[in-house]
Amino acid sequence: MQGRSRIVVEEQGTAEDYALKAILEFNKGFSQVEFYATEDMVCKLVDAYLAVKERMGEAVKVVGADIGVTKFHNRNVSYLSLVIERLA
């Protein structure tokens, strides 16, 4: 299996769209998918993860999470990074 794929959650697209992208990445052979979102998109990231979990059940688990603040254009921007792994 390949390593990790990164999906940046942005305004365009729904949580279901991002969930489908993650599932397609697993089907391509990636063992892990990282969702990354900033500020208001964090809620959509969580919704996308829950949609993946609903579709794949116990075949996925969270293996890492990172919450923090980074500088962007001289201001603080909060972010969430969530790494999920396919088990079977």
C-alpha atoms as a PDB file:
ATOM      1  CA  MET A   1       0.000   0.000   0.000  1.00  0.00           C
ATOM      2  CA  GLN A   2       1.029   3.562  -0.643  1.00  0.00           C
ATOM      3  CA  GLY A   3       1.577   6.077   2.123  1.00  0.00           C
ATOM      4  CA  ARG A   4      -0.621   9.035   2.974  1.00  0.00           C
ATOM      5  CA  SER A   5      -2.859  11.226   0.842  1.00  0.00           C
ATOM      6  CA  ARG A   6      -3.766  14.772   1.949  1.00  0.00           C
ATOM      7  CA  ILE A   7      -7.178  16.340   1.390  1.00  0.00           C
ATOM      8  CA  VAL A   8      -7.550  20.047   2.114  1.00  0.00           C
ATOM      9  CA  VAL A   9     -11.143  20.876   3.073  1.00  0.00           C
ATOM     10  CA  GLU A  10     -12.220  24.198   1.554  1.00  0.00           C
ATOM     11  CA  GLU A  11     -15.423  26.187   1.071  1.00  0.00           C
ATOM     12  CA  GLN A  12     -16.321  24.625  -2.266  1.00  0.00           C
ATOM     13  CA  GLY A  13     -17.611  21.103  -2.013  1.00  0.00           C
ATOM     14  CA  THR A  14     -19.725  19.389   0.604  1.00  0.00           C
ATOM     15  CA  ALA A  15     -18.671  17.117   3.428  1.00  0.00           C
ATOM     16  CA  GLU A  16     -19.985  14.182   1.377  1.00  0.00           C
ATOM     17  CA  ASP A  17     -17.736  15.232  -1.530  1.00  0.00           C
ATOM     18  CA  TYR A  18     -14.689  15.148   0.739  1.00  0.00           C
ATOM     19  CA  ALA A  19     -15.766  11.815   2.236  1.00  0.00           C
ATOM     20  CA  LEU A  20     -16.013  10.360  -1.269  1.00  0.00           C
ATOM     21  CA  LYS A  21     -12.543  11.730  -2.095  1.00  0.00           C
ATOM     22  CA  ALA A  22     -11.149   9.970   0.972  1.00  0.00           C
ATOM     23  CA  ILE A  23     -12.804   6.671   0.067  1.00  0.00           C
ATOM     24  CA  LEU A  24     -11.469   6.962  -3.493  1.00  0.00           C
ATOM     25  CA  GLU A  25      -7.964   7.564  -2.113  1.00  0.00           C
ATOM     26  CA  PHE A  26      -8.266   4.379  -0.042  1.00  0.00           C
ATOM     27  CA  ASN A  27      -9.413   2.531  -3.174  1.00  0.00           C
ATOM     28  CA  LYS A  28      -6.334   3.851  -5.042  1.00  0.00           C
ATOM     29  CA  GLY A  29      -4.172   2.081  -2.477  1.00  0.00           C
ATOM     30  CA  PHE A  30      -3.373   4.746   0.105  1.00  0.00           C
ATOM     31  CA  SER A  31      -3.320   3.328   3.619  1.00  0.00           C
ATOM     32  CA  GLN A  32      -3.874   6.720   5.278  1.00  0.00           C
ATOM     33  CA  VAL A  33      -5.772   9.886   4.420  1.00  0.00           C
ATOM     34  CA  GLU A  34      -5.149  13.214   6.128  1.00  0.00           C
ATOM     35  CA  PHE A  35      -7.957  15.761   6.259  1.00  0.00           C
ATOM     36  CA  TYR A  36      -6.718  19.330   6.801  1.00  0.00           C
ATOM     37  CA  ALA A  37      -8.914  22.382   7.401  1.00  0.00           C
ATOM     38  CA  THR A  38      -8.605  25.881   8.792  1.00  0.00           C
ATOM     39  CA  GLU A  39     -11.016  28.067  10.733  1.00  0.00           C
ATOM     40  CA  ASP A  40     -14.652  27.702   9.604  1.00  0.00           C
ATOM     41  CA  MET A  41     -13.956  24.578   7.545  1.00  0.00           C
ATOM     42  CA  VAL A  42     -13.098  22.519  10.643  1.00  0.00           C
ATOM     43  CA  CYS A  43     -16.786  21.654  11.084  1.00  0.00           C
ATOM     44  CA  LYS A  44     -16.937  20.406   7.493  1.00  0.00           C
ATOM     45  CA  LEU A  45     -13.815  18.306   8.116  1.00  0.00           C
ATOM     46  CA  VAL A  46     -15.491  16.602  11.071  1.00  0.00           C
ATOM     47  CA  ASP A  47     -18.653  16.023   9.016  1.00  0.00           C
ATOM     48  CA  ALA A  48     -16.550  14.476   6.231  1.00  0.00           C
ATOM     49  CA  TYR A  49     -14.836  12.142   8.707  1.00  0.00           C
ATOM     50  CA  LEU A  50     -18.193  11.086  10.158  1.00  0.00           C
ATOM     51  CA  ALA A  51     -19.492  10.388   6.630  1.00  0.00           C
ATOM     52  CA  VAL A  52     -16.454   8.177   5.929  1.00  0.00           C
ATOM     53  CA  LYS A  53     -16.972   6.396   9.249  1.00  0.00           C
ATOM     54  CA  GLU A  54     -20.662   5.873   8.454  1.00  0.00           C
ATOM     55  CA  ARG A  55     -19.855   4.322   5.076  1.00  0.00           C
ATOM     56  CA  MET A  56     -16.820   2.260   6.071  1.00  0.00           C
ATOM     57  CA  GLY A  57     -17.667   1.452   9.685  1.00  0.00           C
ATOM     58  CA  GLU A  58     -14.946  -0.272  11.682  1.00  0.00           C
ATOM     59  CA  ALA A  59     -12.690  -0.473   8.609  1.00  0.00           C
ATOM     60  CA  VAL A  60     -11.256   2.982   9.440  1.00  0.00           C
ATOM     61  CA  LYS A  61      -9.838   4.529  12.571  1.00  0.00           C
ATOM     62  CA  VAL A  62      -8.269   7.824  13.598  1.00  0.00           C
ATOM     63  CA  VAL A  63      -4.505   7.422  13.990  1.00  0.00           C
ATOM     64  CA  GLY A  64      -3.549  11.047  14.490  1.00  0.00           C
ATOM     65  CA  ALA A  65      -4.941  14.491  15.147  1.00  0.00           C
ATOM     66  CA  ASP A  66      -3.276  17.871  15.347  1.00  0.00           C
ATOM     67  CA  ILE A  67      -4.951  21.079  16.472  1.00  0.00           C
ATOM     68  CA  GLY A  68      -3.106  24.342  16.409  1.00  0.00           C
ATOM     69  CA  VAL A  69      -2.582  27.877  15.218  1.00  0.00           C
ATOM     70  CA  THR A  70      -0.429  29.046  12.329  1.00  0.00           C
ATOM     71  CA  LYS A  71       0.412  32.480  10.945  1.00  0.00           C
ATOM     72  CA  PHE A  72      -1.196  33.475   7.631  1.00  0.00           C
ATOM     73  CA  HIS A  73      -0.905  37.017   6.261  1.00  0.00           C
ATOM     74  CA  ASN A  74       0.219  38.268   9.670  1.00  0.00           C
ATOM     75  CA  ARG A  75      -2.731  36.841  11.601  1.00  0.00           C
ATOM     76  CA  ASN A  76      -3.368  33.692  13.604  1.00  0.00           C
ATOM     77  CA  VAL A  77      -5.334  30.971  11.835  1.00  0.00           C
ATOM     78  CA  SER A  78      -6.567  27.886  13.682  1.00  0.00           C
ATOM     79  CA  TYR A  79      -6.392  24.496  11.980  1.00  0.00           C
ATOM     80  CA  LEU A  80      -7.262  20.835  12.453  1.00  0.00           C
ATOM     81  CA  SER A  81      -5.460  17.923  10.871  1.00  0.00           C
ATOM     82  CA  LEU A  82      -7.039  14.477  11.182  1.00  0.00           C
ATOM     83  CA  VAL A  83      -5.304  11.318   9.921  1.00  0.00           C
ATOM     84  CA  ILE A  84      -7.432   8.238   9.320  1.00  0.00           C
ATOM     85  CA  GLU A  85      -6.259   4.762   8.363  1.00  0.00           C
ATOM     86  CA  ARG A  86      -7.943   1.926   6.542  1.00  0.00           C
ATOM     87  CA  LEU A  87      -7.705  -1.282   8.536  1.00  0.00           C
ATOM     88  CA  ALA A  88      -8.941  -3.940   6.133  1.00  0.00           C
END
